[in-house]
Structure formats: C-alpha cells, structure tokens
Amino acid sequence: MNLQPLLDATIAVQIHVAAVLPAAILGAYVLLNRKGTPTHRMLGKVWMVLMAITALSSFFIHTINLFYGFSPIHLLSIFTLTGIWRAISTARAHNIRAHKATVIGMYLGGIGVAGLFTLIPGRIMHAVVFTGGPSWILLLTLAGIAAALYLQQRLASQRA
C-alpha cells in the first residue's frame, strides 16, 4: 500500500476518499444491524451526509474525460443524489420496503460498483492499494471485515 498517489491527488479526490471510506464502513454497519432504532436513524443521517459529500465531490474529479470532463461513472453520483432524496422521503412516509431497497441499491452501486472501478489499473486507488508495500494487509483486513459481517448476519438470521 502506498498513500503517496492519494496525497498527490487533487483536493476533490482527497475529499471524495475521505467521505467514501467511512461511508463504506458505516453503511455496512447500519445495513447489518437493528433497524428503526434511534441509533439507526442517527447513523443513517451521518451516512447520507457522507454519501452526499462523496457524490458532490465526484463532479470535480475529471480523470476519465469522455464528455466535457465527465464519464459514465458520474451517473452513479446522480443515482446517489437521487437515492438520498428517495431514501429520506420513503423513510418519512414509513415506506420501509422502498427505503430499504433504495439504501441497499445506493450501497451496492454507489460504494460497491464504483469502488471496484477505482481499482482498475491506472486509477489513483489502484496505485494506493497495489503499489509500494504490502497490500496483503489491506486484503487481509477486508477479508476479516467481510468474515465478521457474514458471521454477524448468520447469527442475526438464527435469532429470527
């Protein structure tokens, strides 16, 4: 792992990464834990703010310039911003099924799919993760997080 490519990146990229990394972790936590509690609502609001910062900062990142500085990945930012509005409005309307579907879609698309695109060779996060040092530490950490989340989900389904 090598943080230098990230430190050399534009402020928009740094803000984007600073918002999306905690959003990825917090989002997984909120999705896997008890819903409807005051903690869920508070952490959900924090997650929505982090996702808004992530999406808005992406409009100032023009690494892939296919159409006037923008690329198809910016469509995910539009999807995320509309998802924030939909998630909040469906929660307020007590339409929990639509709220849940929206948030899961935002997490999988806005963090999962977009996150995978950042690991393509030539992108900043590819350089951060796969150059300059033991990236196996990151992979081991991610595997540990995934295992913990899987076990927590299994335990929750057994309790139900």
N, C-alpha and C. Protein backbone atom coordinates (compact mmCIF):
# COMPACT_ATOMS: atom_id res chain seq x y z
N MET A 1 0.85 -1.17 0.00
CA MET A 1 0.00 0.00 0.00
C MET A 1 0.89 1.24 0.00
N ASN A 2 0.46 2.24 -0.75
CA ASN A 2 1.23 3.46 -0.88
C ASN A 2 0.26 4.65 -0.91
N LEU A 3 0.27 5.47 0.11
CA LEU A 3 -0.65 6.61 0.18
C LEU A 3 -0.21 7.81 -0.64
N GLN A 4 1.01 7.79 -1.15
CA GLN A 4 1.52 8.95 -1.87
C GLN A 4 0.66 9.36 -3.07
N PRO A 5 0.15 8.42 -3.90
CA PRO A 5 -0.71 8.85 -5.01
C PRO A 5 -1.95 9.61 -4.53
N LEU A 6 -2.48 9.22 -3.39
CA LEU A 6 -3.64 9.91 -2.83
C LEU A 6 -3.25 11.28 -2.29
N LEU A 7 -2.09 11.35 -1.65
CA LEU A 7 -1.62 12.63 -1.13
C LEU A 7 -1.27 13.61 -2.25
N ASP A 8 -0.89 13.09 -3.41
CA ASP A 8 -0.56 13.92 -4.57
C ASP A 8 -1.80 14.29 -5.40
N ALA A 9 -2.92 13.69 -5.10
CA ALA A 9 -4.15 13.90 -5.87
C ALA A 9 -4.75 15.28 -5.56
N THR A 10 -5.72 15.67 -6.37
CA THR A 10 -6.41 16.94 -6.16
C THR A 10 -7.20 16.90 -4.86
N ILE A 11 -7.56 18.06 -4.37
CA ILE A 11 -8.34 18.16 -3.13
C ILE A 11 -9.71 17.48 -3.31
N ALA A 12 -10.28 17.53 -4.51
CA ALA A 12 -11.56 16.87 -4.76
C ALA A 12 -11.45 15.37 -4.55
N VAL A 13 -10.37 14.77 -5.02
CA VAL A 13 -10.16 13.33 -4.84
C VAL A 13 -9.96 13.02 -3.36
N GLN A 14 -9.21 13.84 -2.67
CA GLN A 14 -8.96 13.61 -1.25
C GLN A 14 -10.25 13.71 -0.44
N ILE A 15 -11.08 14.70 -0.74
CA ILE A 15 -12.37 14.85 -0.05
C ILE A 15 -13.25 13.64 -0.36
N HIS A 16 -13.26 13.24 -1.63
CA HIS A 16 -14.06 12.11 -2.07
C HIS A 16 -13.69 10.84 -1.29
N VAL A 17 -12.41 10.55 -1.21
CA VAL A 17 -11.94 9.36 -0.50
C VAL A 17 -12.19 9.49 1.00
N ALA A 18 -11.99 10.69 1.55
CA ALA A 18 -12.22 10.90 2.99
C ALA A 18 -13.68 10.71 3.36
N ALA A 19 -14.59 10.91 2.43
CA ALA A 19 -16.02 10.71 2.71
C ALA A 19 -16.44 9.27 2.43
N VAL A 20 -15.92 8.68 1.36
CA VAL A 20 -16.42 7.37 0.96
C VAL A 20 -15.89 6.23 1.85
N LEU A 21 -14.69 6.34 2.36
CA LEU A 21 -14.17 5.26 3.21
C LEU A 21 -15.00 5.07 4.48
N PRO A 22 -15.28 6.14 5.25
CA PRO A 22 -16.15 5.91 6.41
C PRO A 22 -17.58 5.56 6.00
N ALA A 23 -18.03 6.05 4.85
CA ALA A 23 -19.38 5.70 4.37
C ALA A 23 -19.48 4.21 4.08
N ALA A 24 -18.42 3.62 3.55
CA ALA A 24 -18.43 2.19 3.26
C ALA A 24 -18.55 1.37 4.54
N ILE A 25 -17.79 1.75 5.54
CA ILE A 25 -17.80 1.02 6.81
C ILE A 25 -19.10 1.27 7.57
N LEU A 26 -19.48 2.53 7.69
CA LEU A 26 -20.70 2.88 8.42
C LEU A 26 -21.93 2.29 7.73
N GLY A 27 -21.95 2.33 6.40
CA GLY A 27 -23.08 1.78 5.66
C GLY A 27 -23.26 0.29 5.92
N ALA A 28 -22.16 -0.45 5.92
CA ALA A 28 -22.24 -1.88 6.21
C ALA A 28 -22.77 -2.11 7.63
N TYR A 29 -22.30 -1.31 8.56
CA TYR A 29 -22.75 -1.45 9.94
C TYR A 29 -24.27 -1.18 10.05
N VAL A 30 -24.72 -0.10 9.45
CA VAL A 30 -26.14 0.26 9.53
C VAL A 30 -27.00 -0.79 8.83
N LEU A 31 -26.55 -1.28 7.69
CA LEU A 31 -27.34 -2.28 6.96
C LEU A 31 -27.44 -3.60 7.70
N LEU A 32 -26.43 -3.93 8.49
CA LEU A 32 -26.41 -5.24 9.14
C LEU A 32 -26.94 -5.23 10.57
N ASN A 33 -27.24 -4.07 11.11
CA ASN A 33 -27.72 -4.02 12.48
C ASN A 33 -29.21 -3.68 12.54
N ARG A 34 -29.70 -3.65 13.76
CA ARG A 34 -31.12 -3.45 14.02
C ARG A 34 -31.63 -2.14 13.42
N LYS A 35 -32.78 -2.22 12.79
CA LYS A 35 -33.36 -1.06 12.09
C LYS A 35 -34.40 -0.36 12.97
N GLY A 36 -34.61 0.92 12.67
CA GLY A 36 -35.67 1.68 13.32
C GLY A 36 -35.31 2.26 14.67
N THR A 37 -34.15 1.96 15.17
CA THR A 37 -33.74 2.48 16.48
C THR A 37 -33.24 3.91 16.33
N PRO A 38 -33.15 4.64 17.43
CA PRO A 38 -32.56 5.98 17.35
C PRO A 38 -31.13 5.95 16.80
N THR A 39 -30.37 4.92 17.17
CA THR A 39 -29.01 4.79 16.65
C THR A 39 -29.02 4.60 15.14
N HIS A 40 -29.93 3.77 14.65
CA HIS A 40 -30.05 3.55 13.21
C HIS A 40 -30.36 4.86 12.49
N ARG A 41 -31.29 5.62 13.03
CA ARG A 41 -31.67 6.89 12.40
C ARG A 41 -30.51 7.89 12.41
N MET A 42 -29.81 7.98 13.53
CA MET A 42 -28.69 8.92 13.62
C MET A 42 -27.55 8.52 12.68
N LEU A 43 -27.16 7.25 12.73
CA LEU A 43 -26.07 6.79 11.86
C LEU A 43 -26.49 6.85 10.39
N GLY A 44 -27.77 6.61 10.11
CA GLY A 44 -28.27 6.73 8.75
C GLY A 44 -28.15 8.15 8.22
N LYS A 45 -28.41 9.12 9.07
CA LYS A 45 -28.25 10.53 8.66
C LYS A 45 -26.79 10.87 8.39
N VAL A 46 -25.91 10.37 9.24
CA VAL A 46 -24.48 10.59 9.03
C VAL A 46 -24.06 9.94 7.71
N TRP A 47 -24.55 8.74 7.45
CA TRP A 47 -24.23 8.03 6.21
C TRP A 47 -24.72 8.81 4.99
N MET A 48 -25.92 9.36 5.08
CA MET A 48 -26.47 10.14 3.96
C MET A 48 -25.60 11.37 3.68
N VAL A 49 -25.14 12.04 4.73
CA VAL A 49 -24.26 13.21 4.55
C VAL A 49 -22.95 12.78 3.89
N LEU A 50 -22.37 11.68 4.37
CA LEU A 50 -21.13 11.18 3.76
C LEU A 50 -21.33 10.82 2.29
N MET A 51 -22.47 10.22 1.98
CA MET A 51 -22.75 9.86 0.58
C MET A 51 -22.96 11.11 -0.27
N ALA A 52 -23.60 12.13 0.29
CA ALA A 52 -23.78 13.39 -0.46
C ALA A 52 -22.43 14.04 -0.74
N ILE A 53 -21.55 14.07 0.25
CA ILE A 53 -20.21 14.62 0.05
C ILE A 53 -19.47 13.81 -1.02
N THR A 54 -19.58 12.50 -0.94
CA THR A 54 -18.94 11.63 -1.92
C THR A 54 -19.43 11.93 -3.32
N ALA A 55 -20.75 11.99 -3.49
CA ALA A 55 -21.33 12.22 -4.82
C ALA A 55 -20.99 13.62 -5.33
N LEU A 56 -21.15 14.63 -4.50
CA LEU A 56 -20.90 16.00 -4.95
C LEU A 56 -19.42 16.22 -5.29
N SER A 57 -18.53 15.65 -4.49
CA SER A 57 -17.10 15.83 -4.78
C SER A 57 -16.71 15.15 -6.09
N SER A 58 -17.42 14.11 -6.47
CA SER A 58 -17.07 13.40 -7.71
C SER A 58 -17.24 14.28 -8.95
N PHE A 59 -18.12 15.27 -8.88
CA PHE A 59 -18.32 16.15 -10.02
C PHE A 59 -17.13 17.07 -10.28
N PHE A 60 -16.19 17.10 -9.34
CA PHE A 60 -14.97 17.89 -9.51
C PHE A 60 -13.77 17.01 -9.86
N ILE A 61 -14.04 15.72 -10.09
CA ILE A 61 -13.00 14.77 -10.49
C ILE A 61 -13.20 14.45 -11.96
N HIS A 62 -12.19 14.75 -12.76
CA HIS A 62 -12.32 14.59 -14.21
C HIS A 62 -11.22 13.72 -14.80
N THR A 63 -10.84 12.68 -14.06
CA THR A 63 -9.76 11.81 -14.51
C THR A 63 -10.11 11.12 -15.82
N ILE A 64 -11.32 10.60 -15.90
CA ILE A 64 -11.80 9.97 -17.13
C ILE A 64 -12.65 11.02 -17.85
N ASN A 65 -12.14 11.56 -18.93
CA ASN A 65 -12.79 12.67 -19.63
C ASN A 65 -13.39 12.16 -20.93
N LEU A 66 -14.63 11.70 -20.87
CA LEU A 66 -15.28 11.20 -22.08
C LEU A 66 -16.25 12.21 -22.68
N PHE A 67 -16.82 13.07 -21.82
CA PHE A 67 -17.82 14.02 -22.31
C PHE A 67 -17.72 15.29 -21.47
N TYR A 68 -16.98 16.28 -21.96
CA TYR A 68 -16.80 17.57 -21.28
C TYR A 68 -16.33 17.40 -19.82
N GLY A 69 -15.40 16.50 -19.62
CA GLY A 69 -14.84 16.29 -18.29
C GLY A 69 -15.56 15.23 -17.47
N PHE A 70 -16.63 14.70 -17.99
CA PHE A 70 -17.40 13.71 -17.24
C PHE A 70 -17.32 12.34 -17.90
N SER A 71 -17.70 11.33 -17.14
CA SER A 71 -17.66 9.96 -17.64
C SER A 71 -18.92 9.24 -17.15
N PRO A 72 -19.15 8.03 -17.65
CA PRO A 72 -20.33 7.28 -17.19
C PRO A 72 -20.38 7.06 -15.68
N ILE A 73 -19.24 7.05 -15.03
CA ILE A 73 -19.22 6.83 -13.58
C ILE A 73 -19.91 7.98 -12.84
N HIS A 74 -19.96 9.16 -13.47
CA HIS A 74 -20.66 10.28 -12.85
C HIS A 74 -22.17 10.03 -12.78
N LEU A 75 -22.66 9.11 -13.59
CA LEU A 75 -24.07 8.73 -13.49
C LEU A 75 -24.36 8.10 -12.13
N LEU A 76 -23.37 7.41 -11.57
CA LEU A 76 -23.55 6.85 -10.22
C LEU A 76 -23.72 7.96 -9.19
N SER A 77 -23.09 9.09 -9.42
CA SER A 77 -23.24 10.22 -8.49
C SER A 77 -24.65 10.79 -8.56
N ILE A 78 -25.18 10.87 -9.77
CA ILE A 78 -26.57 11.33 -9.93
C ILE A 78 -27.51 10.31 -9.28
N PHE A 79 -27.26 9.04 -9.50
CA PHE A 79 -28.03 7.96 -8.89
C PHE A 79 -27.98 8.08 -7.36
N THR A 80 -26.81 8.38 -6.82
CA THR A 80 -26.65 8.50 -5.37
C THR A 80 -27.43 9.69 -4.83
N LEU A 81 -27.33 10.83 -5.49
CA LEU A 81 -28.05 12.03 -5.02
C LEU A 81 -29.56 11.84 -5.08
N THR A 82 -30.05 11.23 -6.14
CA THR A 82 -31.50 10.96 -6.19
C THR A 82 -31.88 9.88 -5.18
N GLY A 83 -30.95 8.94 -4.94
CA GLY A 83 -31.20 7.90 -3.94
C GLY A 83 -31.30 8.48 -2.55
N ILE A 84 -30.49 9.48 -2.24
CA ILE A 84 -30.57 10.13 -0.93
C ILE A 84 -31.95 10.74 -0.74
N TRP A 85 -32.41 11.46 -1.74
CA TRP A 85 -33.74 12.07 -1.66
C TRP A 85 -34.81 11.00 -1.49
N ARG A 86 -34.72 9.93 -2.28
CA ARG A 86 -35.73 8.86 -2.22
C ARG A 86 -35.67 8.13 -0.87
N ALA A 87 -34.48 7.86 -0.37
CA ALA A 87 -34.35 7.15 0.91
C ALA A 87 -34.96 7.96 2.05
N ILE A 88 -34.71 9.26 2.04
CA ILE A 88 -35.26 10.11 3.10
C ILE A 88 -36.77 10.22 2.96
N SER A 89 -37.25 10.45 1.75
CA SER A 89 -38.70 10.63 1.57
C SER A 89 -39.47 9.34 1.85
N THR A 90 -38.92 8.18 1.48
CA THR A 90 -39.63 6.93 1.76
C THR A 90 -39.59 6.59 3.25
N ALA A 91 -38.51 6.94 3.93
CA ALA A 91 -38.45 6.71 5.38
C ALA A 91 -39.47 7.59 6.09
N ARG A 92 -39.55 8.85 5.69
CA ARG A 92 -40.53 9.75 6.30
C ARG A 92 -41.96 9.32 6.04
N ALA A 93 -42.18 8.69 4.89
CA ALA A 93 -43.53 8.20 4.54
C ALA A 93 -43.79 6.81 5.14
N HIS A 94 -42.84 6.30 5.90
CA HIS A 94 -42.92 4.98 6.52
C HIS A 94 -43.07 3.86 5.48
N ASN A 95 -42.53 4.09 4.30
CA ASN A 95 -42.48 3.06 3.27
C ASN A 95 -41.13 2.34 3.41
N ILE A 96 -41.09 1.45 4.37
CA ILE A 96 -39.82 0.82 4.76
C ILE A 96 -39.28 -0.06 3.64
N ARG A 97 -40.15 -0.75 2.91
CA ARG A 97 -39.69 -1.60 1.82
C ARG A 97 -38.95 -0.78 0.76
N ALA A 98 -39.50 0.36 0.36
CA ALA A 98 -38.85 1.22 -0.64
C ALA A 98 -37.58 1.85 -0.08
N HIS A 99 -37.63 2.24 1.20
CA HIS A 99 -36.45 2.81 1.84
C HIS A 99 -35.31 1.79 1.84
N LYS A 100 -35.61 0.58 2.24
CA LYS A 100 -34.60 -0.47 2.30
C LYS A 100 -34.01 -0.75 0.91
N ALA A 101 -34.86 -0.87 -0.09
CA ALA A 101 -34.39 -1.15 -1.45
C ALA A 101 -33.51 -0.01 -1.97
N THR A 102 -33.90 1.21 -1.68
CA THR A 102 -33.12 2.37 -2.12
C THR A 102 -31.74 2.40 -1.48
N VAL A 103 -31.70 2.19 -0.17
CA VAL A 103 -30.43 2.26 0.54
C VAL A 103 -29.51 1.11 0.13
N ILE A 104 -30.05 -0.08 -0.01
CA ILE A 104 -29.23 -1.21 -0.45
C ILE A 104 -28.69 -0.94 -1.86
N GLY A 105 -29.54 -0.41 -2.74
CA GLY A 105 -29.08 -0.07 -4.09
C GLY A 105 -28.00 0.98 -4.08
N MET A 106 -28.15 1.99 -3.23
CA MET A 106 -27.12 3.03 -3.11
C MET A 106 -25.81 2.44 -2.61
N TYR A 107 -25.91 1.55 -1.63
CA TYR A 107 -24.69 0.98 -1.07
C TYR A 107 -23.98 0.10 -2.10
N LEU A 108 -24.73 -0.79 -2.72
CA LEU A 108 -24.12 -1.70 -3.69
C LEU A 108 -23.61 -0.96 -4.93
N GLY A 109 -24.39 -0.01 -5.43
CA GLY A 109 -23.99 0.72 -6.63
C GLY A 109 -23.01 1.83 -6.35
N GLY A 110 -23.34 2.66 -5.36
CA GLY A 110 -22.53 3.83 -5.08
C GLY A 110 -21.22 3.54 -4.39
N ILE A 111 -21.17 2.44 -3.65
CA ILE A 111 -19.92 2.08 -2.97
C ILE A 111 -19.32 0.83 -3.59
N GLY A 112 -20.11 -0.21 -3.77
CA GLY A 112 -19.59 -1.47 -4.30
C GLY A 112 -19.10 -1.37 -5.73
N VAL A 113 -19.99 -1.01 -6.64
CA VAL A 113 -19.63 -0.94 -8.07
C VAL A 113 -18.59 0.15 -8.32
N ALA A 114 -18.86 1.34 -7.80
CA ALA A 114 -17.91 2.44 -8.00
C ALA A 114 -16.56 2.12 -7.37
N GLY A 115 -16.58 1.47 -6.22
CA GLY A 115 -15.34 1.09 -5.56
C GLY A 115 -14.51 0.12 -6.39
N LEU A 116 -15.19 -0.81 -7.04
CA LEU A 116 -14.46 -1.74 -7.91
C LEU A 116 -13.83 -1.01 -9.09
N PHE A 117 -14.52 -0.02 -9.64
CA PHE A 117 -13.96 0.75 -10.76
C PHE A 117 -12.70 1.51 -10.35
N THR A 118 -12.59 1.87 -9.07
CA THR A 118 -11.40 2.62 -8.65
C THR A 118 -10.15 1.74 -8.63
N LEU A 119 -10.34 0.43 -8.64
CA LEU A 119 -9.19 -0.49 -8.58
C LEU A 119 -8.66 -0.88 -9.95
N ILE A 120 -9.22 -0.30 -11.02
CA ILE A 120 -8.73 -0.56 -12.37
C ILE A 120 -7.33 0.04 -12.50
N PRO A 121 -6.41 -0.70 -13.13
CA PRO A 121 -5.05 -0.15 -13.33
C PRO A 121 -5.10 1.23 -14.00
N GLY A 122 -4.25 2.12 -13.48
CA GLY A 122 -4.20 3.49 -13.98
C GLY A 122 -4.97 4.47 -13.12
N ARG A 123 -5.83 3.98 -12.23
CA ARG A 123 -6.59 4.84 -11.34
C ARG A 123 -5.80 5.06 -10.05
N ILE A 124 -6.10 6.14 -9.35
CA ILE A 124 -5.36 6.50 -8.14
C ILE A 124 -5.45 5.41 -7.07
N MET A 125 -6.64 4.90 -6.84
CA MET A 125 -6.79 3.91 -5.77
C MET A 125 -6.11 2.59 -6.11
N HIS A 126 -5.98 2.28 -7.38
CA HIS A 126 -5.20 1.10 -7.77
C HIS A 126 -3.75 1.29 -7.34
N ALA A 127 -3.22 2.49 -7.59
CA ALA A 127 -1.84 2.78 -7.18
C ALA A 127 -1.70 2.75 -5.66
N VAL A 128 -2.70 3.25 -4.96
CA VAL A 128 -2.65 3.26 -3.49
C VAL A 128 -2.64 1.83 -2.95
N VAL A 129 -3.53 1.00 -3.46
CA VAL A 129 -3.71 -0.34 -2.90
C VAL A 129 -2.63 -1.32 -3.35
N PHE A 130 -2.22 -1.24 -4.61
CA PHE A 130 -1.39 -2.31 -5.17
C PHE A 130 0.08 -1.94 -5.41
N THR A 131 0.54 -0.79 -4.95
CA THR A 131 1.95 -0.44 -5.14
C THR A 131 2.58 -0.03 -3.81
N GLY A 132 3.89 -0.13 -3.77
CA GLY A 132 4.66 0.46 -2.69
C GLY A 132 4.72 -0.25 -1.38
N GLY A 133 4.07 -1.37 -1.23
CA GLY A 133 4.16 -2.02 0.06
C GLY A 133 3.21 -3.19 0.15
N PRO A 134 3.06 -3.72 1.33
CA PRO A 134 2.28 -4.95 1.50
C PRO A 134 0.77 -4.70 1.40
N SER A 135 0.23 -4.82 0.18
CA SER A 135 -1.21 -4.67 0.03
C SER A 135 -1.96 -5.86 0.61
N TRP A 136 -1.23 -6.92 0.94
CA TRP A 136 -1.87 -8.07 1.56
C TRP A 136 -2.47 -7.69 2.90
N ILE A 137 -1.94 -6.65 3.55
CA ILE A 137 -2.50 -6.19 4.82
C ILE A 137 -3.92 -5.67 4.59
N LEU A 138 -4.09 -4.88 3.54
CA LEU A 138 -5.42 -4.37 3.20
C LEU A 138 -6.36 -5.51 2.85
N LEU A 139 -5.88 -6.44 2.03
CA LEU A 139 -6.72 -7.58 1.64
C LEU A 139 -7.09 -8.44 2.84
N LEU A 140 -6.17 -8.64 3.75
CA LEU A 140 -6.44 -9.40 4.96
C LEU A 140 -7.45 -8.67 5.84
N THR A 141 -7.31 -7.36 5.94
CA THR A 141 -8.26 -6.56 6.72
C THR A 141 -9.66 -6.64 6.11
N LEU A 142 -9.75 -6.49 4.79
CA LEU A 142 -11.04 -6.58 4.12
C LEU A 142 -11.66 -7.97 4.29
N ALA A 143 -10.83 -9.01 4.20
CA ALA A 143 -11.33 -10.37 4.40
C ALA A 143 -11.85 -10.55 5.82
N GLY A 144 -11.15 -9.98 6.79
CA GLY A 144 -11.60 -10.06 8.18
C GLY A 144 -12.91 -9.34 8.41
N ILE A 145 -13.05 -8.16 7.80
CA ILE A 145 -14.30 -7.40 7.92
C ILE A 145 -15.44 -8.18 7.27
N ALA A 146 -15.18 -8.73 6.09
CA ALA A 146 -16.21 -9.50 5.39
C ALA A 146 -16.63 -10.72 6.21
N ALA A 147 -15.66 -11.41 6.81
CA ALA A 147 -15.98 -12.58 7.63
C ALA A 147 -16.79 -12.18 8.86
N ALA A 148 -16.43 -11.08 9.50
CA ALA A 148 -17.17 -10.62 10.67
C ALA A 148 -18.60 -10.24 10.31
N LEU A 149 -18.76 -9.54 9.19
CA LEU A 149 -20.10 -9.16 8.75
C LEU A 149 -20.93 -10.39 8.40
N TYR A 150 -20.32 -11.37 7.75
CA TYR A 150 -21.01 -12.61 7.40
C TYR A 150 -21.46 -13.35 8.65
N LEU A 151 -20.57 -13.47 9.63
CA LEU A 151 -20.92 -14.16 10.87
C LEU A 151 -22.02 -13.43 11.63
N GLN A 152 -21.94 -12.10 11.64
CA GLN A 152 -22.97 -11.32 12.32
C GLN A 152 -24.33 -11.54 11.64
N GLN A 153 -24.33 -11.56 10.32
CA GLN A 153 -25.58 -11.79 9.57
C GLN A 153 -26.13 -13.18 9.85
N ARG A 154 -25.26 -14.17 9.90
CA ARG A 154 -25.70 -15.55 10.19
C ARG A 154 -26.30 -15.64 11.59
N LEU A 155 -25.65 -15.01 12.56
CA LEU A 155 -26.19 -15.02 13.91
C LEU A 155 -27.53 -14.32 14.00
N ALA A 156 -27.67 -13.21 13.29
CA ALA A 156 -28.94 -12.49 13.28
C ALA A 156 -30.04 -13.33 12.65
N SER A 157 -29.74 -14.04 11.59
CA SER A 157 -30.77 -14.87 10.93
C SER A 157 -31.13 -16.07 11.79
N GLN A 158 -30.22 -16.57 12.60
CA GLN A 158 -30.53 -17.67 13.50
C GLN A 158 -31.41 -17.23 14.66
N ARG A 159 -31.26 -15.96 15.09
CA ARG A 159 -32.08 -15.43 16.17
C ARG A 159 -33.52 -15.19 15.71
N ALA A 160 -33.70 -14.93 14.43
CA ALA A 160 -35.03 -14.57 13.91
C ALA A 160 -35.93 -15.76 13.74
